[in-house]
Amino acid sequence: MTRFAKICWLAGVASCCGVAGLLAWPRTGLAQTQDEPAPRARASGLRTGTPQYVAQQRAPENAETGTGPTSATPEAISDPAALVQRQQGAISQRQPPRAARPVQAPSLRGVTQRQIRAPQPVVTGLPPAPAAPPPPPRRRAPDEDPYAPLGLRFGAITLRPALTGSIGYDSNPSRIAGPSKGSAFSRTEGELGIQSDWNVHELTGTLRGGYSHYFRDDNASRPDAQGNMSLRLDATRDTRILLESRLMLDTQRPGSPDLTASVQGRPITWAYGASAGVTHDINRLQLTLRGSIDRQDYENAELTNGQVLSQADRNQTQYGLRLRAAYEVTPGFRPFVQGEVDTRQFDQKVDSSGYMRSSDGYTARLGTTFEISRMLTGEVSAGYQDRQYQDPRLKQLRGMVGDAAILWTPTPLTTVTLRGTAELGDTTIAGSSGTTARRVSLEVAHALRRNLTVTGFTTFQRTDYEGQGLREDLSTIGARLDYKLTRTFSVRASFTHERLNSTQQGSDYTANVSLVGLRMQF
């Protein structure tokens, strides 16, 4: 046998012996660990066997009873830490320093040296939502006027009726010049306000009427009334149709220059009319076209001698057409320019003095509507009017015309109202083309308490009769007290001083009127 063959044979024998030893070693080590502890190794600090807390072998039988565990589940699975707590090392009799620490998850196989958190519960669904808390109580908005009437509602329309009964004293019931005989009187007033509550369109209106009855001078008793109604129809977003109607009932005083003879009582005059128009918005530009018709009727007067004075020659009808263009510079400032043409047609072509009073007029105006911080609002316009008459003997009537309505609220308790008008009117005085009337009024109302309001007012009016040198100045000044008991009942008291100064002899007069009454509103 050669040397190389000997080396190969020895290597094969060594390999077979090593494999056999490795196969027999686990059984021998396991028997030694179950029967008795292995002796300490003096030569080396290394362990010669596998500790049981690593091998996780079956726990030994109870030494006293000789029986195994009562549960079919291996103890290593039910409590992995139990083997570790009772296990001694294979080489050392001491337990490993960290093997005695309990494991908190008994259902896990094996042993871990770290704390293990308990498994989180499985969420199969969301918990029910908590009940919504009750809504907080809503605070009632304070009433702007707790004594204002609530009105009577009929569908989408609210009616606000009111009735006032008063008693007072008038120092000059007939408004005559010179000494006069005063009289106590009673006054009854009725009022109706209308307001719609529609999603589109709008209906508004006010109608007021009254009658004054003088106990000692029945000829001075007189009615009065005024009213207006307006309807807005929203055809499109930018187009609106406007319909209006108006009414005024008044009386003539016996000393009026248009009553040429001694008249007893106060003849009634009627003024009523209607208008229709359309308004269209083009961005900030607003165009309005409006046509109107107005009628004025005069009642015949009864003379002191029993005869009747006809005033049919003063009855007339006026037709007008107006075009206005307004441009919104800012949300609170809208200037406008306006042009108007009209014609006045009298029922009788020639009046009692032999003049043809029918005429045509042309008017141009400039004005603006404004709103300054909600404290100052209104509309102001001024223009020029030229009126030509059919009768060549009557001079053309020309002059300034205008309107003003300003509402100023300096404080929540104080309201100032200023109004003014300038217009050209008609007359039946022979040789006179017409009248130029200027009127301005100022009213200041202050609330001393929520239900107590004091109002002061003054008015001045000047009327010039063209071509006659005749002028009348009428001025009034007074105060009014309004004490609201409830939403339904209130007490009203007023005092008015009235004075007329005229260039016509025997026409001046002075009158003082006191009045107190109870108002019922709904």
Protein backbone atom coordinates (compact mmCIF):
# COMPACT_ATOMS: atom_id res chain seq x y z
CA MET A 1 0.00 0.00 0.00
CA THR A 2 1.40 3.26 -0.92
CA ARG A 3 1.73 6.26 1.38
CA PHE A 4 -1.04 8.17 -0.40
CA ALA A 5 -3.44 5.27 -0.06
CA LYS A 6 -2.74 5.04 3.68
CA ILE A 7 -3.53 8.70 4.20
CA CYS A 8 -6.88 8.35 2.35
CA TRP A 9 -7.87 5.29 4.37
CA LEU A 10 -7.11 6.97 7.70
CA ALA A 11 -9.14 10.06 6.67
CA GLY A 12 -12.15 7.88 5.80
CA VAL A 13 -12.05 6.05 9.14
CA ALA A 14 -11.85 9.35 11.03
CA SER A 15 -14.82 10.72 9.15
CA CYS A 16 -16.99 7.65 9.92
CA CYS A 17 -16.16 7.82 13.63
CA GLY A 18 -17.00 11.52 13.78
CA VAL A 19 -20.39 11.04 12.14
CA ALA A 20 -21.25 8.20 14.55
CA GLY A 21 -20.29 10.33 17.54
CA LEU A 22 -22.43 13.20 16.41
CA LEU A 23 -25.45 10.93 15.98
CA ALA A 24 -25.06 9.37 19.43
CA TRP A 25 -24.33 12.60 21.35
CA PRO A 26 -27.86 14.11 21.57
CA ARG A 27 -29.35 10.96 23.08
CA THR A 28 -26.59 10.72 25.62
CA GLY A 29 -26.87 14.41 26.59
CA LEU A 30 -30.61 14.24 26.90
CA ALA A 31 -30.43 11.18 29.19
CA GLN A 32 -27.88 12.87 31.39
CA THR A 33 -29.98 16.05 31.73
CA GLN A 34 -33.10 14.06 32.67
CA ASP A 35 -31.43 11.69 35.19
CA GLU A 36 -28.98 13.86 37.05
CA PRO A 37 -27.17 17.08 36.69
CA ALA A 38 -23.88 16.97 34.86
CA PRO A 39 -20.68 17.43 36.83
CA ARG A 40 -19.00 20.82 36.74
CA ALA A 41 -16.40 21.27 34.11
CA ARG A 42 -13.14 22.21 35.80
CA ALA A 43 -11.09 22.78 32.76
CA SER A 44 -13.34 25.20 30.88
CA GLY A 45 -16.13 27.70 31.60
CA LEU A 46 -18.06 26.61 28.51
CA ARG A 47 -21.28 24.67 28.77
CA THR A 48 -21.30 21.09 27.51
CA GLY A 49 -25.06 20.72 27.06
CA THR A 50 -28.16 22.64 25.91
CA PRO A 51 -30.18 24.19 28.78
CA GLN A 52 -33.75 23.09 29.11
CA TYR A 53 -35.10 26.62 29.04
CA VAL A 54 -33.68 26.79 25.53
CA ALA A 55 -34.55 23.26 24.44
CA GLN A 56 -38.15 23.66 25.82
CA GLN A 57 -38.49 19.99 26.67
CA ARG A 58 -41.45 18.38 28.50
CA ALA A 59 -41.56 19.09 32.19
CA PRO A 60 -40.68 16.14 34.46
CA GLU A 61 -43.38 14.16 36.18
CA ASN A 62 -44.46 15.05 39.66
CA ALA A 63 -42.06 13.36 42.02
CA GLU A 64 -44.70 12.70 44.63
CA THR A 65 -47.58 11.47 42.48
CA GLY A 66 -45.60 10.04 39.59
CA THR A 67 -48.03 11.53 37.12
CA GLY A 68 -47.52 13.98 34.36
CA PRO A 69 -49.28 17.31 33.79
CA THR A 70 -53.06 17.34 34.00
CA SER A 71 -53.51 19.41 30.85
CA ALA A 72 -53.00 18.11 27.39
CA THR A 73 -51.40 21.42 26.41
CA PRO A 74 -47.62 21.41 26.86
CA GLU A 75 -46.51 23.61 29.69
CA ALA A 76 -44.14 25.41 27.38
CA ILE A 77 -47.13 26.70 25.47
CA SER A 78 -49.46 27.49 28.39
CA ASP A 79 -46.74 29.20 30.41
CA PRO A 80 -43.33 29.50 28.71
CA ALA A 81 -41.83 31.19 31.75
CA ALA A 82 -42.50 28.23 34.08
CA LEU A 83 -39.69 26.12 32.61
CA VAL A 84 -37.32 29.00 32.81
CA GLN A 85 -38.19 29.81 36.44
CA ARG A 86 -37.58 26.17 37.61
CA GLN A 87 -34.75 25.31 35.20
CA GLN A 88 -31.16 25.11 36.31
CA GLY A 89 -28.32 25.54 33.93
CA ALA A 90 -26.82 22.47 32.32
CA ILE A 91 -23.36 23.41 33.57
CA SER A 92 -24.08 25.89 36.40
CA GLN A 93 -26.54 25.27 39.23
CA ARG A 94 -27.59 28.94 39.15
CA GLN A 95 -30.39 30.13 36.95
CA PRO A 96 -29.54 32.56 34.21
CA PRO A 97 -29.93 36.09 35.50
CA ARG A 98 -32.78 36.98 33.14
CA ALA A 99 -34.53 33.62 32.85
CA ALA A 100 -36.61 34.10 36.00
CA ARG A 101 -38.40 37.19 34.65
CA PRO A 102 -42.01 36.20 33.79
CA VAL A 103 -43.27 36.44 30.23
CA GLN A 104 -46.67 38.17 29.96
CA ALA A 105 -47.86 36.47 26.80
CA PRO A 106 -48.43 32.77 27.66
CA SER A 107 -49.97 31.99 24.30
CA LEU A 108 -46.71 32.62 22.41
CA ARG A 109 -44.23 29.85 21.69
CA GLY A 110 -40.73 30.25 22.81
CA VAL A 111 -39.28 32.56 25.39
CA THR A 112 -38.39 36.16 24.91
CA GLN A 113 -36.25 38.28 27.17
CA ARG A 114 -38.39 41.43 26.63
CA GLN A 115 -41.70 42.45 28.07
CA ILE A 116 -44.54 41.62 25.70
CA ARG A 117 -47.72 43.75 25.55
CA ALA A 118 -51.06 41.98 25.62
CA PRO A 119 -52.66 41.83 22.19
CA GLN A 120 -55.10 44.63 21.48
CA PRO A 121 -58.77 43.69 21.15
CA VAL A 122 -60.01 43.32 17.62
CA VAL A 123 -62.39 46.12 16.60
CA THR A 124 -65.11 44.76 14.38
CA GLY A 125 -67.14 47.99 14.10
CA LEU A 126 -67.25 51.61 15.07
CA PRO A 127 -68.93 52.47 18.35
CA PRO A 128 -72.30 54.16 18.07
CA ALA A 129 -72.14 57.92 17.63
CA PRO A 130 -73.03 59.86 20.76
CA ALA A 131 -76.33 61.64 20.74
CA ALA A 132 -76.15 65.19 19.48
CA PRO A 133 -76.35 67.77 22.25
CA PRO A 134 -79.47 69.90 22.26
CA PRO A 135 -79.09 73.16 20.37
CA PRO A 136 -78.43 76.20 22.53
CA PRO A 137 -81.47 78.37 23.13
CA ARG A 138 -81.79 81.10 20.50
CA ARG A 139 -81.81 84.62 21.75
CA ARG A 140 -84.79 86.61 20.59
CA ALA A 141 -83.84 89.60 18.49
CA PRO A 142 -84.82 92.78 20.29
CA ASP A 143 -87.79 94.57 18.78
CA GLU A 144 -86.92 97.81 17.06
CA ASP A 145 -90.16 99.26 18.38
CA PRO A 146 -91.93 97.16 21.01
CA TYR A 147 -94.98 99.43 20.71
CA ALA A 148 -95.34 99.18 16.93
CA PRO A 149 -98.57 97.57 15.66
CA LEU A 150 -98.29 93.97 14.48
CA GLY A 151 -100.90 94.33 11.76
CA LEU A 152 -103.53 91.94 10.47
CA ARG A 153 -102.16 89.29 8.12
CA PHE A 154 -104.21 88.01 5.21
CA GLY A 155 -102.11 85.50 3.31
CA ALA A 156 -98.99 87.28 2.13
CA ILE A 157 -100.43 90.79 2.71
CA THR A 158 -100.32 92.66 6.01
CA LEU A 159 -102.93 95.32 6.79
CA ARG A 160 -102.34 97.94 9.47
CA PRO A 161 -105.62 99.73 10.25
CA ALA A 162 -105.87 102.56 12.75
CA LEU A 163 -108.66 104.75 14.13
CA THR A 164 -108.24 108.04 16.02
CA GLY A 165 -110.87 110.02 17.85
CA SER A 166 -109.98 113.51 19.09
CA ILE A 167 -111.54 116.61 20.55
CA GLY A 168 -110.12 120.12 20.43
CA TYR A 169 -110.59 123.84 20.06
CA ASP A 170 -110.03 126.11 17.01
CA SER A 171 -109.85 129.88 17.47
CA ASN A 172 -110.72 130.62 13.80
CA PRO A 173 -112.64 127.75 12.19
CA SER A 174 -113.42 129.53 8.88
CA ARG A 175 -110.00 131.21 8.50
CA ILE A 176 -111.42 134.68 8.05
CA ALA A 177 -109.73 138.03 8.55
CA GLY A 178 -110.44 140.16 11.59
CA PRO A 179 -112.11 139.06 14.80
CA SER A 180 -113.36 135.48 14.72
CA LYS A 181 -115.44 133.27 16.94
CA GLY A 182 -113.75 130.11 18.12
CA SER A 183 -115.40 126.74 18.37
CA ALA A 184 -114.81 123.38 19.90
CA PHE A 185 -114.67 120.56 17.40
CA SER A 186 -114.29 116.83 17.12
CA ARG A 187 -112.10 115.03 14.66
CA THR A 188 -112.26 111.44 13.49
CA GLU A 189 -109.47 109.85 11.46
CA GLY A 190 -109.12 106.47 9.83
CA GLU A 191 -105.96 105.00 8.35
CA LEU A 192 -105.03 101.83 6.50
CA GLY A 193 -101.54 100.66 5.60
CA ILE A 194 -100.86 97.82 3.15
CA GLN A 195 -97.62 95.87 2.77
CA SER A 196 -97.03 92.66 0.83
CA ASP A 197 -94.64 89.84 1.74
CA TRP A 198 -94.06 88.17 -1.62
CA ASN A 199 -90.88 86.52 -2.87
CA VAL A 200 -91.08 88.65 -5.99
CA HIS A 201 -93.11 91.78 -6.74
CA GLU A 202 -94.23 94.22 -4.04
CA LEU A 203 -97.45 96.00 -3.10
CA THR A 204 -97.45 98.98 -0.75
CA GLY A 205 -100.00 101.62 0.05
CA THR A 206 -101.40 104.07 2.59
CA LEU A 207 -104.90 105.53 2.79
CA ARG A 208 -105.89 108.15 5.35
CA GLY A 209 -109.13 110.07 5.76
CA GLY A 210 -110.59 112.40 8.38
CA TYR A 211 -113.47 114.69 9.17
CA SER A 212 -113.54 117.77 11.43
CA HIS A 213 -116.90 118.77 12.84
CA TYR A 214 -117.23 122.20 14.49
CA PHE A 215 -119.95 122.47 17.08
CA ARG A 216 -120.56 126.24 16.82
CA ASP A 217 -119.82 126.76 13.11
CA ASP A 218 -121.16 123.94 10.97
CA ASN A 219 -120.11 125.69 7.75
CA ALA A 220 -116.49 125.27 8.79
CA SER A 221 -116.81 121.49 9.06
CA ARG A 222 -114.71 119.83 6.38
CA PRO A 223 -113.31 116.46 5.26
CA ASP A 224 -109.80 115.64 4.11
CA ALA A 225 -108.09 112.54 2.73
CA GLN A 226 -105.01 111.38 0.91
CA GLY A 227 -103.68 108.06 -0.24
CA ASN A 228 -101.35 106.27 -2.60
CA MET A 229 -100.85 102.72 -3.83
CA SER A 230 -97.90 101.28 -5.71
CA LEU A 231 -97.32 97.88 -7.30
CA ARG A 232 -93.93 96.68 -8.54
CA LEU A 233 -93.84 93.73 -10.92
CA ASP A 234 -90.45 92.06 -11.41
CA ALA A 235 -90.56 91.01 -15.04
CA THR A 236 -86.90 89.95 -15.13
CA ARG A 237 -83.87 90.44 -12.95
CA ASP A 238 -83.14 93.80 -14.57
CA THR A 239 -86.63 94.91 -15.65
CA ARG A 240 -89.45 96.09 -13.39
CA ILE A 241 -92.93 97.39 -14.15
CA LEU A 242 -94.21 100.14 -11.84
CA LEU A 243 -97.90 100.91 -11.33
CA GLU A 244 -99.07 103.75 -9.07
CA SER A 245 -102.29 105.45 -8.03
CA ARG A 246 -102.87 108.50 -5.84
CA LEU A 247 -105.72 110.46 -4.29
CA MET A 248 -106.09 113.73 -2.40
CA LEU A 249 -109.21 115.36 -0.99
CA ASP A 250 -109.05 118.93 0.31
CA THR A 251 -111.18 122.03 0.75
CA GLN A 252 -110.86 125.68 -0.26
CA ARG A 253 -110.88 128.39 2.35
CA PRO A 254 -113.49 131.13 1.83
CA GLY A 255 -110.89 133.92 1.42
CA SER A 256 -108.98 132.23 -1.43
CA PRO A 257 -108.15 134.57 -4.38
CA ASP A 258 -109.69 132.04 -6.80
CA LEU A 259 -113.11 132.47 -5.16
CA THR A 260 -114.23 135.80 -6.54
CA ALA A 261 -117.33 136.20 -4.37
CA SER A 262 -118.40 135.69 -0.80
CA VAL A 263 -118.63 131.97 -0.25
CA GLN A 264 -119.98 130.15 2.74
CA GLY A 265 -118.65 126.80 3.67
CA ARG A 266 -115.56 125.18 2.20
CA PRO A 267 -115.88 123.77 -1.36
CA ILE A 268 -114.25 120.39 -1.89
CA THR A 269 -111.46 119.72 -4.39
CA TRP A 270 -110.49 116.32 -5.72
CA ALA A 271 -107.10 115.38 -7.15
CA TYR A 272 -106.52 111.81 -8.28
CA GLY A 273 -104.47 110.02 -10.89
CA ALA A 274 -102.46 107.00 -11.93
CA SER A 275 -99.18 106.23 -13.64
CA ALA A 276 -97.44 103.29 -15.26
CA GLY A 277 -93.81 102.86 -16.10
CA VAL A 278 -90.97 100.47 -16.71
CA THR A 279 -87.45 100.50 -15.25
CA HIS A 280 -84.52 98.66 -16.81
CA ASP A 281 -81.00 98.30 -15.41
CA ILE A 282 -77.97 98.14 -17.71
CA ASN A 283 -75.13 97.42 -15.34
CA ARG A 284 -74.96 100.67 -13.31
CA LEU A 285 -77.18 102.63 -15.67
CA GLN A 286 -80.89 102.72 -14.84
CA LEU A 287 -83.49 103.91 -17.35
CA THR A 288 -87.10 104.70 -16.37
CA LEU A 289 -89.95 105.58 -18.69
CA ARG A 290 -93.18 106.66 -16.99
CA GLY A 291 -96.52 107.85 -18.27
CA SER A 292 -99.14 109.49 -16.03
CA ILE A 293 -102.65 110.88 -16.06
CA ASP A 294 -104.03 113.19 -13.34
CA ARG A 295 -107.46 114.65 -12.82
CA GLN A 296 -108.54 117.67 -10.77
CA ASP A 297 -112.17 118.48 -9.97
CA TYR A 298 -113.68 121.42 -8.08
CA GLU A 299 -117.00 121.44 -6.29
CA ASN A 300 -119.41 124.27 -6.93
CA ALA A 301 -119.44 126.89 -4.19
CA GLU A 302 -122.48 128.21 -2.37
CA LEU A 303 -122.62 131.98 -1.98
CA THR A 304 -123.88 133.83 1.05
CA ASN A 305 -126.96 135.01 -0.93
CA GLY A 306 -127.96 131.43 -1.68
CA GLN A 307 -126.75 131.30 -5.27
CA VAL A 308 -124.34 128.71 -6.63
CA LEU A 309 -120.95 129.59 -8.09
CA SER A 310 -119.90 127.13 -10.76
CA GLN A 311 -116.25 126.08 -10.79
CA ALA A 312 -116.54 123.68 -13.72
CA ASP A 313 -114.18 125.87 -15.74
CA ARG A 314 -111.37 124.85 -13.36
CA ASN A 315 -111.76 121.12 -13.93
CA GLN A 316 -108.82 119.75 -15.91
CA THR A 317 -106.93 116.63 -16.93
CA GLN A 318 -103.16 116.45 -17.24
CA TYR A 319 -101.21 113.92 -19.32
CA GLY A 320 -97.48 113.50 -18.87
CA LEU A 321 -94.52 111.46 -20.08
CA ARG A 322 -91.25 111.32 -18.19
CA LEU A 323 -87.85 109.78 -18.97
CA ARG A 324 -85.13 109.44 -16.33
CA ALA A 325 -81.56 108.16 -16.66
CA ALA A 326 -79.68 107.46 -13.42
CA TYR A 327 -76.15 106.19 -12.94
CA GLU A 328 -74.94 104.51 -9.73
CA VAL A 329 -71.57 106.08 -8.95
CA THR A 330 -71.41 104.32 -5.56
CA PRO A 331 -73.97 102.13 -3.76
CA GLY A 332 -75.18 105.21 -1.86
CA PHE A 333 -74.96 107.87 -4.57
CA ARG A 334 -77.05 107.79 -7.77
CA PRO A 335 -77.28 111.04 -9.76
CA PHE A 336 -79.90 111.33 -12.50
CA VAL A 337 -81.10 113.53 -15.33
CA GLN A 338 -84.80 113.76 -16.13
CA GLY A 339 -86.91 115.18 -18.91
CA GLU A 340 -90.70 115.56 -18.90
CA VAL A 341 -93.40 116.80 -21.23
CA ASP A 342 -97.05 117.31 -20.24
CA THR A 343 -100.26 118.87 -21.44
CA ARG A 344 -103.16 120.28 -19.38
CA GLN A 345 -106.59 120.12 -20.95
CA PHE A 346 -109.50 122.00 -19.31
CA ASP A 347 -113.01 120.66 -19.62
CA GLN A 348 -114.19 124.06 -20.83
CA LYS A 349 -112.14 125.64 -23.57
CA VAL A 350 -112.81 129.13 -22.20
CA ASP A 351 -113.08 129.92 -18.48
CA SER A 352 -115.44 132.37 -16.78
CA SER A 353 -113.06 135.27 -17.53
CA GLY A 354 -112.82 134.46 -21.26
CA TYR A 355 -109.31 132.92 -21.26
CA MET A 356 -108.21 129.64 -22.80
CA ARG A 357 -106.31 127.98 -19.98
CA SER A 358 -105.09 124.77 -21.67
CA SER A 359 -101.29 124.63 -21.87
CA ASP A 360 -98.25 122.53 -22.69
CA GLY A 361 -95.22 122.25 -20.47
CA TYR A 362 -91.59 121.14 -20.80
CA THR A 363 -89.42 120.36 -17.78
CA ALA A 364 -85.76 119.38 -17.32
CA ARG A 365 -84.29 118.32 -13.99
CA LEU A 366 -81.00 117.28 -12.46
CA GLY A 367 -80.88 115.48 -9.15
CA THR A 368 -79.56 112.61 -7.12
CA THR A 369 -80.56 110.04 -4.57
CA PHE A 370 -78.10 109.44 -1.75
CA GLU A 371 -77.49 107.42 1.38
CA ILE A 372 -74.64 108.41 3.67
CA SER A 373 -73.88 105.79 6.38
CA ARG A 374 -77.61 105.17 6.86
CA MET A 375 -77.81 108.39 8.87
CA LEU A 376 -78.56 110.74 5.99
CA THR A 377 -80.77 109.59 3.12
CA GLY A 378 -82.98 111.31 0.61
CA GLU A 379 -83.51 112.68 -2.88
CA VAL A 380 -82.91 116.19 -4.19
CA SER A 381 -83.71 117.54 -7.66
CA ALA A 382 -83.90 120.95 -9.30
CA GLY A 383 -84.86 122.03 -12.78
CA TYR A 384 -86.57 124.49 -15.05
CA GLN A 385 -90.09 124.47 -16.50
CA ASP A 386 -91.56 126.36 -19.43
CA ARG A 387 -95.35 126.44 -19.87
CA GLN A 388 -97.09 127.83 -22.97
CA TYR A 389 -100.84 128.64 -23.04
CA GLN A 390 -103.27 128.45 -25.92
CA ASP A 391 -104.47 131.98 -25.25
CA PRO A 392 -101.91 134.42 -26.67
CA ARG A 393 -102.94 137.00 -24.04
CA LEU A 394 -101.49 134.81 -21.31
CA LYS A 395 -97.76 135.19 -20.81
CA GLN A 396 -95.61 132.09 -20.82
CA LEU A 397 -95.04 130.83 -17.29
CA ARG A 398 -91.42 130.00 -16.60
CA GLY A 399 -89.57 129.26 -13.43
CA MET A 400 -87.50 126.93 -11.25
CA VAL A 401 -89.06 123.68 -10.10
CA GLY A 402 -87.72 121.04 -7.75
CA ASP A 403 -88.29 118.55 -4.97
CA ALA A 404 -86.36 117.62 -1.85
CA ALA A 405 -86.89 114.94 0.77
CA ILE A 406 -84.10 114.45 3.32
CA LEU A 407 -84.16 112.17 6.35
CA TRP A 408 -81.41 112.66 8.94
CA THR A 409 -80.98 110.47 12.03
CA PRO A 410 -78.25 112.06 14.18
CA THR A 411 -78.99 109.69 17.09
CA PRO A 412 -81.15 106.57 17.47
CA LEU A 413 -83.66 108.71 19.40
CA THR A 414 -83.81 111.74 17.10
CA THR A 415 -85.12 112.03 13.55
CA VAL A 416 -85.04 115.16 11.39
CA THR A 417 -87.16 115.34 8.23
CA LEU A 418 -86.81 118.13 5.67
CA ARG A 419 -89.10 118.46 2.66
CA GLY A 420 -89.40 121.08 -0.04
CA THR A 421 -91.24 121.61 -3.32
CA ALA A 422 -91.31 124.21 -6.06
CA GLU A 423 -93.97 124.03 -8.78
CA LEU A 424 -95.98 126.04 -11.25
CA GLY A 425 -99.78 125.97 -10.88
CA ASP A 426 -102.95 127.30 -12.45
CA THR A 427 -105.36 130.02 -11.45
CA THR A 428 -108.62 131.56 -12.68
CA ILE A 429 -107.71 135.17 -11.87
CA ALA A 430 -108.21 137.26 -14.98
CA GLY A 431 -104.96 138.24 -16.68
CA SER A 432 -102.77 135.90 -14.62
CA SER A 433 -100.97 133.01 -16.32
CA GLY A 434 -100.62 130.92 -13.18
CA THR A 435 -98.95 130.62 -9.81
CA THR A 436 -95.45 129.93 -8.57
CA ALA A 437 -95.56 128.03 -5.27
CA ARG A 438 -92.63 127.34 -2.93
CA ARG A 439 -93.07 125.20 0.15
CA VAL A 440 -90.62 123.95 2.79
CA SER A 441 -91.28 121.97 5.98
CA LEU A 442 -89.09 120.85 8.86
CA GLU A 443 -89.96 118.22 11.45
CA VAL A 444 -87.85 117.10 14.42
CA ALA A 445 -88.96 114.06 16.45
CA HIS A 446 -87.24 112.97 19.65
CA ALA A 447 -88.07 109.92 21.76
CA LEU A 448 -87.91 110.81 25.45
CA ARG A 449 -88.74 107.20 26.23
CA ARG A 450 -89.44 104.15 24.12
CA ASN A 451 -93.16 104.98 24.23
CA LEU A 452 -93.03 108.77 24.53
CA THR A 453 -92.16 110.92 21.50
CA VAL A 454 -92.17 114.71 21.19
CA THR A 455 -92.29 116.25 17.71
CA GLY A 456 -91.80 119.85 16.69
CA PHE A 457 -92.72 121.04 13.19
CA THR A 458 -92.82 124.18 11.12
CA THR A 459 -93.94 124.97 7.56
CA PHE A 460 -93.58 127.97 5.29
CA GLN A 461 -95.27 128.39 1.90
CA ARG A 462 -95.16 131.33 -0.52
CA THR A 463 -97.51 131.65 -3.51
CA ASP A 464 -97.01 134.30 -6.20
CA TYR A 465 -99.73 135.06 -8.76
CA GLU A 466 -98.02 135.91 -12.06
CA GLY A 467 -98.90 139.32 -13.46
CA GLN A 468 -101.05 140.43 -10.51
CA GLY A 469 -98.53 141.43 -7.88
CA LEU A 470 -100.40 139.20 -5.45
CA ARG A 471 -98.47 137.17 -2.90
CA GLU A 472 -99.50 135.00 0.04
CA ASP A 473 -97.23 133.72 2.82
CA LEU A 474 -98.58 130.88 4.96
CA SER A 475 -96.61 129.74 8.01
CA THR A 476 -97.38 127.19 10.69
CA ILE A 477 -95.52 126.12 13.80
CA GLY A 478 -96.49 123.57 16.40
CA ALA A 479 -95.70 120.58 18.56
CA ARG A 480 -97.13 117.10 18.92
CA LEU A 481 -96.94 114.56 21.76
CA ASP A 482 -97.41 110.81 21.22
CA TYR A 483 -97.64 108.57 24.29
CA LYS A 484 -98.00 104.85 23.50
CA LEU A 485 -99.80 102.86 26.16
CA THR A 486 -99.60 99.49 24.38
CA ARG A 487 -99.20 98.25 20.85
CA THR A 488 -102.88 98.99 20.32
CA PHE A 489 -103.63 102.20 22.22
CA SER A 490 -101.85 105.53 22.34
CA VAL A 491 -102.66 109.09 23.42
CA ARG A 492 -101.96 112.02 21.11
CA ALA A 493 -101.97 115.75 21.78
CA SER A 494 -100.98 118.66 19.52
CA PHE A 495 -100.94 122.43 19.26
CA THR A 496 -100.63 124.42 16.00
CA HIS A 497 -100.29 128.12 15.33
CA GLU A 498 -101.23 129.14 11.77
CA ARG A 499 -100.81 132.56 10.17
CA LEU A 500 -101.45 133.95 6.68
CA ASN A 501 -100.01 137.23 5.39
CA SER A 502 -101.36 138.40 2.03
CA THR A 503 -100.92 141.49 -0.14
CA GLN A 504 -104.67 141.34 -0.82
CA GLN A 505 -106.65 143.42 1.63
CA GLY A 506 -108.89 141.51 4.03
CA SER A 507 -107.22 138.13 3.60
CA ASP A 508 -104.87 137.93 6.60
CA TYR A 509 -105.83 135.63 9.43
CA THR A 510 -104.46 133.87 12.51
CA ALA A 511 -105.63 130.60 14.05
CA ASN A 512 -104.64 128.48 17.03
CA VAL A 513 -105.68 124.84 17.13
CA SER A 514 -105.45 122.49 20.14
CA LEU A 515 -106.24 118.80 19.90
CA VAL A 516 -106.09 115.71 22.14
CA GLY A 517 -107.29 112.21 21.31
CA LEU A 518 -106.98 108.46 21.62
CA ARG A 519 -105.57 106.32 18.81
CA MET A 520 -106.32 102.62 18.34
CA GLN A 521 -104.16 100.66 15.92
CA PHE A 522 -103.75 97.02 14.98
